[in-house]
PDB file of N, CA and C in Angstrom:
ATOM      1  N   MET A   1     100.667  17.953 -56.283  1.00  0.00           N
ATOM      2  CA  MET A   1     101.047  16.558 -56.114  1.00  0.00           C
ATOM      3  C   MET A   1     100.602  16.048 -54.738  1.00  0.00           C
ATOM      4  N   MET A   2     100.716  16.871 -53.693  1.00  0.00           N
ATOM      5  CA  MET A   2     100.313  16.438 -52.361  1.00  0.00           C
ATOM      6  C   MET A   2      98.821  16.165 -52.307  1.00  0.00           C
ATOM      7  N   GLN A   3      98.013  16.976 -53.006  1.00  0.00           N
ATOM      8  CA  GLN A   3      96.571  16.746 -53.029  1.00  0.00           C
ATOM      9  C   GLN A   3      96.264  15.393 -53.654  1.00  0.00           C
ATOM     10  N   GLN A   4      96.946  15.060 -54.766  1.00  0.00           N
ATOM     11  CA  GLN A   4      96.725  13.764 -55.396  1.00  0.00           C
ATOM     12  C   GLN A   4      97.118  12.648 -54.440  1.00  0.00           C
ATOM     13  N   ARG A   5      98.221  12.819 -53.727  1.00  0.00           N
ATOM     14  CA  ARG A   5      98.682  11.799 -52.795  1.00  0.00           C
ATOM     15  C   ARG A   5      97.653  11.589 -51.692  1.00  0.00           C
ATOM     16  N   ASP A   6      97.082  12.680 -51.172  1.00  0.00           N
ATOM     17  CA  ASP A   6      96.055  12.549 -50.135  1.00  0.00           C
ATOM     18  C   ASP A   6      94.831  11.832 -50.690  1.00  0.00           C
ATOM     19  N   THR A   7      94.443  12.175 -51.908  1.00  0.00           N
ATOM     20  CA  THR A   7      93.313  11.507 -52.551  1.00  0.00           C
ATOM     21  C   THR A   7      93.612  10.030 -52.754  1.00  0.00           C
ATOM     22  N   LEU A   8      94.826   9.730 -53.176  1.00  0.00           N
ATOM     23  CA  LEU A   8      95.211   8.334 -53.367  1.00  0.00           C
ATOM     24  C   LEU A   8      95.176   7.574 -52.045  1.00  0.00           C
ATOM     25  N   SER A   9      95.639   8.194 -50.990  1.00  0.00           N
ATOM     26  CA  SER A   9      95.619   7.534 -49.680  1.00  0.00           C
ATOM     27  C   SER A   9      94.200   7.214 -49.256  1.00  0.00           C
ATOM     28  N   THR A  10      93.304   8.156 -49.465  1.00  0.00           N
ATOM     29  CA  THR A  10      91.900   7.941 -49.120  1.00  0.00           C
ATOM     30  C   THR A  10      91.303   6.829 -49.968  1.00  0.00           C
ATOM     31  N   THR A  11      91.625   6.824 -51.253  1.00  0.00           N
ATOM     32  CA  THR A  11      91.107   5.793 -52.157  1.00  0.00           C
ATOM     33  C   THR A  11      91.646   4.417 -51.764  1.00  0.00           C
ATOM     34  N   PHE A  12      92.955   4.323 -51.535  1.00  0.00           N
ATOM     35  CA  PHE A  12      93.538   3.038 -51.141  1.00  0.00           C
ATOM     36  C   PHE A  12      92.965   2.548 -49.816  1.00  0.00           C
ATOM     37  N   ALA A  13      92.750   3.454 -48.879  1.00  0.00           N
ATOM     38  CA  ALA A  13      92.166   3.059 -47.592  1.00  0.00           C
ATOM     39  C   ALA A  13      90.761   2.501 -47.803  1.00  0.00           C
ATOM     40  N   ALA A  14      89.985   3.126 -48.682  1.00  0.00           N
ATOM     41  CA  ALA A  14      88.632   2.632 -48.961  1.00  0.00           C
ATOM     42  C   ALA A  14      88.680   1.270 -49.646  1.00  0.00           C
ATOM     43  N   LEU A  15      89.662   1.071 -50.510  1.00  0.00           N
ATOM     44  CA  LEU A  15      89.776  -0.188 -51.254  1.00  0.00           C
ATOM     45  C   LEU A  15      90.387  -1.315 -50.422  1.00  0.00           C
ATOM     46  N   ALA A  16      90.900  -0.994 -49.252  1.00  0.00           N
ATOM     47  CA  ALA A  16      91.585  -1.987 -48.428  1.00  0.00           C
ATOM     48  C   ALA A  16      90.639  -3.053 -47.876  1.00  0.00           C
ATOM     49  N   ASP A  17      89.361  -2.772 -47.847  1.00  0.00           N
ATOM     50  CA  ASP A  17      88.398  -3.711 -47.268  1.00  0.00           C
ATOM     51  C   ASP A  17      87.710  -4.526 -48.364  1.00  0.00           C
ATOM     52  N   PRO A  18      87.681  -5.859 -48.232  1.00  0.00           N
ATOM     53  CA  PRO A  18      87.068  -6.693 -49.276  1.00  0.00           C
ATOM     54  C   PRO A  18      85.563  -6.456 -49.438  1.00  0.00           C
ATOM     55  N   THR A  19      84.874  -6.087 -48.379  1.00  0.00           N
ATOM     56  CA  THR A  19      83.436  -5.796 -48.505  1.00  0.00           C
ATOM     57  C   THR A  19      83.234  -4.577 -49.386  1.00  0.00           C
ATOM     58  N   ARG A  20      84.049  -3.553 -49.182  1.00  0.00           N
ATOM     59  CA  ARG A  20      83.917  -2.341 -49.996  1.00  0.00           C
ATOM     60  C   ARG A  20      84.283  -2.616 -51.455  1.00  0.00           C
ATOM     61  N   ARG A  21      85.291  -3.460 -51.672  1.00  0.00           N
ATOM     62  CA  ARG A  21      85.634  -3.820 -53.055  1.00  0.00           C
ATOM     63  C   ARG A  21      84.489  -4.584 -53.705  1.00  0.00           C
ATOM     64  N   ALA A  22      83.833  -5.450 -52.962  1.00  0.00           N
ATOM     65  CA  ALA A  22      82.691  -6.200 -53.499  1.00  0.00           C
ATOM     66  C   ALA A  22      81.529  -5.253 -53.817  1.00  0.00           C
ATOM     67  N   ILE A  23      81.325  -4.270 -52.975  1.00  0.00           N
ATOM     68  CA  ILE A  23      80.270  -3.284 -53.233  1.00  0.00           C
ATOM     69  C   ILE A  23      80.574  -2.526 -54.523  1.00  0.00           C
ATOM     70  N   LEU A  24      81.813  -2.120 -54.703  1.00  0.00           N
ATOM     71  CA  LEU A  24      82.191  -1.421 -55.937  1.00  0.00           C
ATOM     72  C   LEU A  24      82.000  -2.308 -57.159  1.00  0.00           C
ATOM     73  N   ALA A  25      82.358  -3.583 -57.024  1.00  0.00           N
ATOM     74  CA  ALA A  25      82.170  -4.512 -58.144  1.00  0.00           C
ATOM     75  C   ALA A  25      80.697  -4.617 -58.504  1.00  0.00           C
ATOM     76  N   ARG A  26      79.839  -4.659 -57.507  1.00  0.00           N
ATOM     77  CA  ARG A  26      78.394  -4.711 -57.768  1.00  0.00           C
ATOM     78  C   ARG A  26      77.927  -3.435 -58.461  1.00  0.00           C
ATOM     79  N   LEU A  27      78.412  -2.288 -57.985  1.00  0.00           N
ATOM     80  CA  LEU A  27      77.990  -1.010 -58.571  1.00  0.00           C
ATOM     81  C   LEU A  27      78.533  -0.808 -59.985  1.00  0.00           C
ATOM     82  N   ALA A  28      79.580  -1.529 -60.350  1.00  0.00           N
ATOM     83  CA  ALA A  28      80.089  -1.456 -61.721  1.00  0.00           C
ATOM     84  C   ALA A  28      79.045  -1.973 -62.705  1.00  0.00           C
ATOM     85  N   ALA A  29      78.132  -2.810 -62.224  1.00  0.00           N
ATOM     86  CA  ALA A  29      77.063  -3.346 -63.078  1.00  0.00           C
ATOM     87  C   ALA A  29      75.869  -2.393 -63.165  1.00  0.00           C
ATOM     88  N   GLY A  30      75.849  -1.353 -62.342  1.00  0.00           N
ATOM     89  CA  GLY A  30      74.747  -0.392 -62.368  1.00  0.00           C
ATOM     90  C   GLY A  30      74.340   0.009 -60.962  1.00  0.00           C
ATOM     91  N   GLU A  31      73.527   1.046 -60.889  1.00  0.00           N
ATOM     92  CA  GLU A  31      73.129   1.552 -59.576  1.00  0.00           C
ATOM     93  C   GLU A  31      72.318   0.517 -58.802  1.00  0.00           C
ATOM     94  N   ALA A  32      72.364   0.670 -57.482  1.00  0.00           N
ATOM     95  CA  ALA A  32      71.666  -0.272 -56.609  1.00  0.00           C
ATOM     96  C   ALA A  32      71.292   0.445 -55.318  1.00  0.00           C
ATOM     97  N   SER A  33      70.267  -0.061 -54.672  1.00  0.00           N
ATOM     98  CA  SER A  33      69.861   0.485 -53.375  1.00  0.00           C
ATOM     99  C   SER A  33      70.757  -0.090 -52.286  1.00  0.00           C
ATOM    100  N   VAL A  34      70.704   0.524 -51.122  1.00  0.00           N
ATOM    101  CA  VAL A  34      71.480   0.038 -49.983  1.00  0.00           C
ATOM    102  C   VAL A  34      71.061  -1.394 -49.646  1.00  0.00           C
ATOM    103  N   THR A  35      69.774  -1.658 -49.694  1.00  0.00           N
ATOM    104  CA  THR A  35      69.268  -3.004 -49.397  1.00  0.00           C
ATOM    105  C   THR A  35      69.813  -4.019 -50.406  1.00  0.00           C
ATOM    106  N   GLU A  36      69.825  -3.651 -51.673  1.00  0.00           N
ATOM    107  CA  GLU A  36      70.362  -4.544 -52.701  1.00  0.00           C
ATOM    108  C   GLU A  36      71.861  -4.785 -52.486  1.00  0.00           C
ATOM    109  N   LEU A  37      72.562  -3.741 -52.103  1.00  0.00           N
ATOM    110  CA  LEU A  37      74.004  -3.894 -51.865  1.00  0.00           C
ATOM    111  C   LEU A  37      74.291  -4.757 -50.650  1.00  0.00           C
ATOM    112  N   ALA A  38      73.413  -4.699 -49.658  1.00  0.00           N
ATOM    113  CA  ALA A  38      73.606  -5.462 -48.420  1.00  0.00           C
ATOM    114  C   ALA A  38      73.269  -6.940 -48.580  1.00  0.00           C
ATOM    115  N   ALA A  39      72.443  -7.276 -49.557  1.00  0.00           N
ATOM    116  CA  ALA A  39      71.907  -8.639 -49.692  1.00  0.00           C
ATOM    117  C   ALA A  39      72.959  -9.756 -49.651  1.00  0.00           C
ATOM    118  N   PRO A  40      74.078  -9.639 -50.364  1.00  0.00           N
ATOM    119  CA  PRO A  40      75.014 -10.771 -50.373  1.00  0.00           C
ATOM    120  C   PRO A  40      75.859 -10.926 -49.104  1.00  0.00           C
ATOM    121  N   PHE A  41      75.765  -9.988 -48.183  1.00  0.00           N
ATOM    122  CA  PHE A  41      76.640  -9.996 -47.016  1.00  0.00           C
ATOM    123  C   PHE A  41      75.892 -10.428 -45.764  1.00  0.00           C
ATOM    124  N   SER A  42      76.597 -11.050 -44.874  1.00  0.00           N
ATOM    125  CA  SER A  42      75.998 -11.475 -43.606  1.00  0.00           C
ATOM    126  C   SER A  42      76.362 -10.479 -42.503  1.00  0.00           C
ATOM    127  N   ILE A  43      76.258  -9.196 -42.847  1.00  0.00           N
ATOM    128  CA  ILE A  43      76.496  -8.146 -41.864  1.00  0.00           C
ATOM    129  C   ILE A  43      75.266  -7.244 -41.820  1.00  0.00           C
ATOM    130  N   SER A  44      75.171  -6.458 -40.778  1.00  0.00           N
ATOM    131  CA  SER A  44      73.981  -5.629 -40.571  1.00  0.00           C
ATOM    132  C   SER A  44      73.898  -4.493 -41.590  1.00  0.00           C
ATOM    133  N   LEU A  45      72.703  -3.977 -41.757  1.00  0.00           N
ATOM    134  CA  LEU A  45      72.488  -2.833 -42.637  1.00  0.00           C
ATOM    135  C   LEU A  45      73.275  -1.614 -42.151  1.00  0.00           C
ATOM    136  N   PRO A  46      73.337  -1.338 -40.826  1.00  0.00           N
ATOM    137  CA  PRO A  46      74.179  -0.228 -40.373  1.00  0.00           C
ATOM    138  C   PRO A  46      75.662  -0.421 -40.724  1.00  0.00           C
ATOM    139  N   ALA A  47      76.139  -1.660 -40.714  1.00  0.00           N
ATOM    140  CA  ALA A  47      77.536  -1.915 -41.091  1.00  0.00           C
ATOM    141  C   ALA A  47      77.744  -1.612 -42.574  1.00  0.00           C
ATOM    142  N   ILE A  48      76.781  -1.990 -43.406  1.00  0.00           N
ATOM    143  CA  ILE A  48      76.851  -1.678 -44.839  1.00  0.00           C
ATOM    144  C   ILE A  48      76.854  -0.166 -45.029  1.00  0.00           C
ATOM    145  N   THR A  49      76.027   0.522 -44.281  1.00  0.00           N
ATOM    146  CA  THR A  49      75.953   1.985 -44.367  1.00  0.00           C
ATOM    147  C   THR A  49      77.295   2.614 -44.024  1.00  0.00           C
ATOM    148  N   LYS A  50      77.983   2.069 -43.038  1.00  0.00           N
ATOM    149  CA  LYS A  50      79.310   2.582 -42.692  1.00  0.00           C
ATOM    150  C   LYS A  50      80.284   2.384 -43.849  1.00  0.00           C
ATOM    151  N   HIS A  51      80.218   1.221 -44.476  1.00  0.00           N
ATOM    152  CA  HIS A  51      81.077   0.975 -45.641  1.00  0.00           C
ATOM    153  C   HIS A  51      80.756   1.970 -46.755  1.00  0.00           C
ATOM    154  N   LEU A  52      79.481   2.226 -46.970  1.00  0.00           N
ATOM    155  CA  LEU A  52      79.080   3.167 -48.013  1.00  0.00           C
ATOM    156  C   LEU A  52      79.579   4.577 -47.706  1.00  0.00           C
ATOM    157  N   LYS A  53      79.575   4.959 -46.452  1.00  0.00           N
ATOM    158  CA  LYS A  53      80.083   6.280 -46.066  1.00  0.00           C
ATOM    159  C   LYS A  53      81.574   6.406 -46.364  1.00  0.00           C
ATOM    160  N   VAL A  54      82.315   5.339 -46.130  1.00  0.00           N
ATOM    161  CA  VAL A  54      83.747   5.350 -46.444  1.00  0.00           C
ATOM    162  C   VAL A  54      83.939   5.497 -47.949  1.00  0.00           C
ATOM    163  N   LEU A  55      83.192   4.726 -48.726  1.00  0.00           N
ATOM    164  CA  LEU A  55      83.292   4.802 -50.180  1.00  0.00           C
ATOM    165  C   LEU A  55      82.885   6.177 -50.693  1.00  0.00           C
ATOM    166  N   GLU A  56      81.849   6.724 -50.108  1.00  0.00           N
ATOM    167  CA  GLU A  56      81.381   8.056 -50.506  1.00  0.00           C
ATOM    168  C   GLU A  56      82.428   9.112 -50.132  1.00  0.00           C
ATOM    169  N   GLY A  57      83.014   8.991 -48.960  1.00  0.00           N
ATOM    170  CA  GLY A  57      84.050   9.923 -48.533  1.00  0.00           C
ATOM    171  C   GLY A  57      85.275   9.898 -49.426  1.00  0.00           C
ATOM    172  N   ALA A  58      85.545   8.741 -50.005  1.00  0.00           N
ATOM    173  CA  ALA A  58      86.673   8.600 -50.933  1.00  0.00           C
ATOM    174  C   ALA A  58      86.296   9.025 -52.346  1.00  0.00           C
ATOM    175  N   GLY A  59      85.037   9.387 -52.546  1.00  0.00           N
ATOM    176  CA  GLY A  59      84.581   9.813 -53.864  1.00  0.00           C
ATOM    177  C   GLY A  59      84.340   8.667 -54.829  1.00  0.00           C
ATOM    178  N   LEU A  60      84.275   7.444 -54.306  1.00  0.00           N
ATOM    179  CA  LEU A  60      84.098   6.267 -55.169  1.00  0.00           C
ATOM    180  C   LEU A  60      82.635   5.982 -55.500  1.00  0.00           C
ATOM    181  N   ILE A  61      81.723   6.480 -54.684  1.00  0.00           N
ATOM    182  CA  ILE A  61      80.300   6.305 -54.972  1.00  0.00           C
ATOM    183  C   ILE A  61      79.570   7.610 -54.714  1.00  0.00           C
ATOM    184  N   ARG A  62      78.381   7.691 -55.311  1.00  0.00           N
ATOM    185  CA  ARG A  62      77.453   8.789 -55.037  1.00  0.00           C
ATOM    186  C   ARG A  62      76.151   8.160 -54.573  1.00  0.00           C
ATOM    187  N   ARG A  63      75.539   8.789 -53.596  1.00  0.00           N
ATOM    188  CA  ARG A  63      74.247   8.301 -53.125  1.00  0.00           C
ATOM    189  C   ARG A  63      73.202   9.359 -53.432  1.00  0.00           C
ATOM    190  N   GLY A  64      72.126   8.914 -54.056  1.00  0.00           N
ATOM    191  CA  GLY A  64      71.052   9.823 -54.420  1.00  0.00           C
ATOM    192  C   GLY A  64      69.822   9.594 -53.573  1.00  0.00           C
ATOM    193  N   ARG A  65      68.793  10.303 -53.955  1.00  0.00           N
ATOM    194  CA  ARG A  65      67.532  10.142 -53.243  1.00  0.00           C
ATOM    195  C   ARG A  65      66.406  10.342 -54.254  1.00  0.00           C
ATOM    196  N   GLN A  66      65.634   9.302 -54.432  1.00  0.00           N
ATOM    197  CA  GLN A  66      64.474   9.344 -55.316  1.00  0.00           C
ATOM    198  C   GLN A  66      63.296   8.778 -54.538  1.00  0.00           C
ATOM    199  N   ALA A  67      62.537   9.680 -53.919  1.00  0.00           N
ATOM    200  CA  ALA A  67      61.421   9.294 -53.045  1.00  0.00           C
ATOM    201  C   ALA A  67      61.952   8.395 -51.932  1.00  0.00           C
ATOM    202  N   GLN A  68      61.454   7.166 -51.832  1.00  0.00           N
ATOM    203  CA  GLN A  68      61.903   6.244 -50.792  1.00  0.00           C
ATOM    204  C   GLN A  68      63.148   5.456 -51.214  1.00  0.00           C
ATOM    205  N   TRP A  69      63.509   5.560 -52.467  1.00  0.00           N
ATOM    206  CA  TRP A  69      64.642   4.792 -52.988  1.00  0.00           C
ATOM    207  C   TRP A  69      65.898   5.644 -52.923  1.00  0.00           C
ATOM    208  N   ARG A  70      66.973   5.112 -52.380  1.00  0.00           N
ATOM    209  CA  ARG A  70      68.246   5.825 -52.286  1.00  0.00           C
ATOM    210  C   ARG A  70      69.306   5.065 -53.085  1.00  0.00           C
ATOM    211  N   PRO A  71      69.357   5.343 -54.374  1.00  0.00           N
ATOM    212  CA  PRO A  71      70.299   4.593 -55.216  1.00  0.00           C
ATOM    213  C   PRO A  71      71.755   5.016 -54.979  1.00  0.00           C
ATOM    214  N   CYS A  72      72.640   4.049 -55.101  1.00  0.00           N
ATOM    215  CA  CYS A  72      74.078   4.294 -55.042  1.00  0.00           C
ATOM    216  C   CYS A  72      74.629   4.046 -56.440  1.00  0.00           C
ATOM    217  N   THR A  73      75.552   4.888 -56.863  1.00  0.00           N
ATOM    218  CA  THR A  73      76.186   4.717 -58.167  1.00  0.00           C
ATOM    219  C   THR A  73      77.698   4.814 -58.011  1.00  0.00           C
ATOM    220  N   LEU A  74      78.387   4.137 -58.885  1.00  0.00           N
ATOM    221  CA  LEU A  74      79.844   4.135 -58.895  1.00  0.00           C
ATOM    222  C   LEU A  74      80.343   5.433 -59.513  1.00  0.00           C
ATOM    223  N   ASP A  75      81.352   6.015 -58.921  1.00  0.00           N
ATOM    224  CA  ASP A  75      82.079   7.143 -59.508  1.00  0.00           C
ATOM    225  C   ASP A  75      83.517   6.673 -59.655  1.00  0.00           C
ATOM    226  N   ALA A  76      83.905   6.323 -60.856  1.00  0.00           N
ATOM    227  CA  ALA A  76      85.181   5.650 -61.083  1.00  0.00           C
ATOM    228  C   ALA A  76      86.377   6.585 -61.199  1.00  0.00           C
ATOM    229  N   GLN A  77      86.204   7.896 -61.121  1.00  0.00           N
ATOM    230  CA  GLN A  77      87.339   8.811 -61.277  1.00  0.00           C
ATOM    231  C   GLN A  77      88.474   8.524 -60.293  1.00  0.00           C
ATOM    232  N   PRO A  78      88.201   8.289 -59.012  1.00  0.00           N
ATOM    233  CA  PRO A  78      89.325   7.962 -58.118  1.00  0.00           C
ATOM    234  C   PRO A  78      90.066   6.689 -58.543  1.00  0.00           C
ATOM    235  N   LEU A  79      89.355   5.752 -59.161  1.00  0.00           N
ATOM    236  CA  LEU A  79      90.018   4.540 -59.657  1.00  0.00           C
ATOM    237  C   LEU A  79      90.917   4.876 -60.844  1.00  0.00           C
ATOM    238  N   ARG A  80      90.503   5.841 -61.643  1.00  0.00           N
ATOM    239  CA  ARG A  80      91.332   6.309 -62.761  1.00  0.00           C
ATOM    240  C   ARG A  80      92.622   6.930 -62.211  1.00  0.00           C
ATOM    241  N   ASP A  81      92.485   7.693 -61.134  1.00  0.00           N
ATOM    242  CA  ASP A  81      93.664   8.297 -60.509  1.00  0.00           C
ATOM    243  C   ASP A  81      94.626   7.225 -59.997  1.00  0.00           C
ATOM    244  N   VAL A  82      94.081   6.157 -59.430  1.00  0.00           N
ATOM    245  CA  VAL A  82      94.911   5.040 -58.962  1.00  0.00           C
ATOM    246  C   VAL A  82      95.600   4.386 -60.161  1.00  0.00           C
ATOM    247  N   ALA A  83      94.854   4.163 -61.236  1.00  0.00           N
ATOM    248  CA  ALA A  83      95.432   3.546 -62.436  1.00  0.00           C
ATOM    249  C   ALA A  83      96.547   4.417 -63.010  1.00  0.00           C
ATOM    250  N   ASP A  84      96.346   5.733 -63.031  1.00  0.00           N
ATOM    251  CA  ASP A  84      97.384   6.641 -63.522  1.00  0.00           C
ATOM    252  C   ASP A  84      98.628   6.571 -62.648  1.00  0.00           C
ATOM    253  N   TRP A  85      98.435   6.483 -61.339  1.00  0.00           N
ATOM    254  CA  TRP A  85      99.557   6.405 -60.415  1.00  0.00           C
ATOM    255  C   TRP A  85     100.324   5.097 -60.620  1.00  0.00           C
ATOM    256  N   VAL A  86      99.605   3.999 -60.754  1.00  0.00           N
ATOM    257  CA  VAL A  86     100.239   2.692 -60.962  1.00  0.00           C
ATOM    258  C   VAL A  86     100.965   2.664 -62.304  1.00  0.00           C
ATOM    259  N   GLN A  87     100.409   3.341 -63.290  1.00  0.00           N
ATOM    260  CA  GLN A  87     101.003   3.366 -64.627  1.00  0.00           C
ATOM    261  C   GLN A  87     102.435   3.908 -64.591  1.00  0.00           C
ATOM    262  N   GLN A  88     102.716   4.797 -63.657  1.00  0.00           N
ATOM    263  CA  GLN A  88     104.071   5.347 -63.534  1.00  0.00           C
ATOM    264  C   GLN A  88     105.106   4.248 -63.306  1.00  0.00           C
ATOM    265  N   TYR A  89     104.689   3.146 -62.726  1.00  0.00           N
ATOM    266  CA  TYR A  89     105.604   2.059 -62.400  1.00  0.00           C
ATOM    267  C   TYR A  89     105.662   0.988 -63.482  1.00  0.00           C
ATOM    268  N   ARG A  90     104.870   1.138 -64.503  1.00  0.00           N
ATOM    269  CA  ARG A  90     104.861   0.159 -65.590  1.00  0.00           C
ATOM    270  C   ARG A  90     106.226   0.065 -66.266  1.00  0.00           C
ATOM    271  N   LYS A  91     106.860   1.197 -66.488  1.00  0.00           N
ATOM    272  CA  LYS A  91     108.177   1.202 -67.126  1.00  0.00           C
ATOM    273  C   LYS A  91     109.170   0.379 -66.297  1.00  0.00           C
ATOM    274  N   PHE A  92     109.097   0.532 -64.983  1.00  0.00           N
ATOM    275  CA  PHE A  92     109.960  -0.241 -64.089  1.00  0.00           C
ATOM    276  C   PHE A  92     109.729  -1.733 -64.268  1.00  0.00           C
ATOM    277  N   TRP A  93     108.463  -2.158 -64.246  1.00  0.00           N
ATOM    278  CA  TRP A  93     108.158  -3.585 -64.358  1.00  0.00           C
ATOM    279  C   TRP A  93     108.489  -4.115 -65.743  1.00  0.00           C
ATOM    280  N   ASP A  94     108.184  -3.341 -66.780  1.00  0.00           N
ATOM    281  CA  ASP A  94     108.521  -3.773 -68.135  1.00  0.00           C
ATOM    282  C   ASP A  94     110.025  -3.996 -68.274  1.00  0.00           C
ATOM    283  N   HIS A  95     110.800  -3.092 -67.721  1.00  0.00           N
ATOM    284  CA  HIS A  95     112.265  -3.217 -67.780  1.00  0.00           C
ATOM    285  C   HIS A  95     112.719  -4.482 -67.056  1.00  0.00           C
ATOM    286  N   ASN A  96     112.166  -4.741 -65.876  1.00  0.00           N
ATOM    287  CA  ASN A  96     112.550  -5.931 -65.117  1.00  0.00           C
ATOM    288  C   ASN A  96     112.137  -7.217 -65.829  1.00  0.00           C
ATOM    289  N   PHE A  97     110.968  -7.212 -66.444  1.00  0.00           N
ATOM    290  CA  PHE A  97     110.545  -8.403 -67.197  1.00  0.00           C
ATOM    291  C   PHE A  97     111.439  -8.610 -68.413  1.00  0.00           C
ATOM    292  N   ASP A  98     111.855  -7.524 -69.057  1.00  0.00           N
ATOM    293  CA  ASP A  98     112.778  -7.643 -70.191  1.00  0.00           C
ATOM    294  C   ASP A  98     114.104  -8.237 -69.737  1.00  0.00           C
ATOM    295  N   ARG A  99     114.595  -7.798 -68.587  1.00  0.00           N
ATOM    296  CA  ARG A  99     115.845  -8.344 -68.052  1.00  0.00           C
ATOM    297  C   ARG A  99     115.681  -9.820 -67.705  1.00  0.00           C
ATOM    298  N   LEU A 100     114.543 -10.188 -67.138  1.00  0.00           N
ATOM    299  CA  LEU A 100     114.295 -11.588 -66.805  1.00  0.00           C
ATOM    300  C   LEU A 100     114.256 -12.428 -68.079  1.00  0.00           C
ATOM    301  N   GLU A 101     113.584 -11.936 -69.100  1.00  0.00           N
ATOM    302  CA  GLU A 101     113.520 -12.667 -70.363  1.00  0.00           C
ATOM    303  C   GLU A 101     114.919 -12.863 -70.950  1.00  0.00           C
ATOM    304  N   GLU A 102     115.741 -11.828 -70.894  1.00  0.00           N
ATOM    305  CA  GLU A 102     117.111 -11.925 -71.391  1.00  0.00           C
ATOM    306  C   GLU A 102     117.908 -12.954 -70.588  1.00  0.00           C
ATOM    307  N   TYR A 103     117.758 -12.939 -69.295  1.00  0.00           N
ATOM    308  CA  TYR A 103     118.450 -13.886 -68.428  1.00  0.00           C
ATOM    309  C   TYR A 103     118.022 -15.322 -68.749  1.00  0.00           C
ATOM    310  N   LEU A 104     116.734 -15.534 -68.922  1.00  0.00           N
ATOM    311  CA  LEU A 104     116.243 -16.880 -69.237  1.00  0.00           C
ATOM    312  C   LEU A 104     116.755 -17.354 -70.584  1.00  0.00           C
ATOM    313  N   ARG A 105     116.873 -16.476 -71.554  1.00  0.00           N
ATOM    314  CA  ARG A 105     117.427 -16.855 -72.848  1.00  0.00           C
ATOM    315  C   ARG A 105     118.885 -17.257 -72.713  1.00  0.00           C
ATOM    316  N   GLU A 106     119.619 -16.538 -71.857  1.00  0.00           N
ATOM    317  CA  GLU A 106     121.022 -16.897 -71.624  1.00  0.00           C
ATOM    318  C   GLU A 106     121.136 -18.247 -70.932  1.00  0.00           C
ATOM    319  N   MET A 107     120.202 -18.556 -70.064  1.00  0.00           N
ATOM    320  CA  MET A 107     120.218 -19.827 -69.341  1.00  0.00           C
ATOM    321  C   MET A 107     119.877 -20.999 -70.255  1.00  0.00           C
ATOM    322  N   HIS A 108     119.037 -20.763 -71.240  1.00  0.00           N
ATOM    323  CA  HIS A 108     118.586 -21.810 -72.160  1.00  0.00           C
ATOM    324  C   HIS A 108     118.738 -21.348 -73.601  1.00  0.00           C
ATOM    325  N   PRO A 109     119.968 -21.210 -74.086  1.00  0.00           N
ATOM    326  CA  PRO A 109     120.176 -20.674 -75.440  1.00  0.00           C
ATOM    327  C   PRO A 109     119.675 -21.606 -76.541  1.00  0.00           C
ATOM    328  N   GLN A 110     119.514 -22.886 -76.264  1.00  0.00           N
ATOM    329  CA  GLN A 110     119.091 -23.824 -77.295  1.00  0.00           C
ATOM    330  C   GLN A 110     117.606 -23.707 -77.616  1.00  0.00           C
ATOM    331  N   GLU A 111     116.810 -23.147 -76.704  1.00  0.00           N
ATOM    332  CA  GLU A 111     115.377 -23.012 -76.968  1.00  0.00           C
ATOM    333  C   GLU A 111     115.117 -21.907 -77.960  1.00  0.00           C
ATOM    334  N   LYS A 112     114.157 -22.152 -78.847  1.00  0.00           N
ATOM    335  CA  LYS A 112     113.808 -21.186 -79.866  1.00  0.00           C
ATOM    336  C   LYS A 112     112.910 -20.111 -79.274  1.00  0.00           C
ATOM    337  N   LYS A 113     112.956 -18.937 -79.901  1.00  0.00           N
ATOM    338  CA  LYS A 113     112.041 -17.873 -79.505  1.00  0.00           C
ATOM    339  C   LYS A 113     110.626 -18.283 -79.857  1.00  0.00           C
ATOM    340  N   SER A 114     109.680 -17.877 -79.012  1.00  0.00           N
ATOM    341  CA  SER A 114     108.283 -18.192 -79.334  1.00  0.00           C
ATOM    342  C   SER A 114     107.610 -17.017 -79.946  1.00  0.00           C
TER     343      SER A 114
END
């Protein structure tokens, strides 16, 4: 369990930055070069490289090498781990929404169920 928690911390830290989230969103559409990933941002190529290193360290991307082209690809397994962790709290939220729905029905008993 502690290993998963450490992995989750690393993943959440990587996801905390909007530039890194945008890079992941781009990679969800398919592999891309560092230059292609940098294009939409007004930051330097070395800054993009630093973001990529964080993502790679979190296991969210893989960087390859094909001659002069260095493609980056998404590795979504850490995101699956985050989704599994969040899923544990679904029961809590479902219960609270059920209680809210019940409360609202008590407040407005004349309204019909939809």
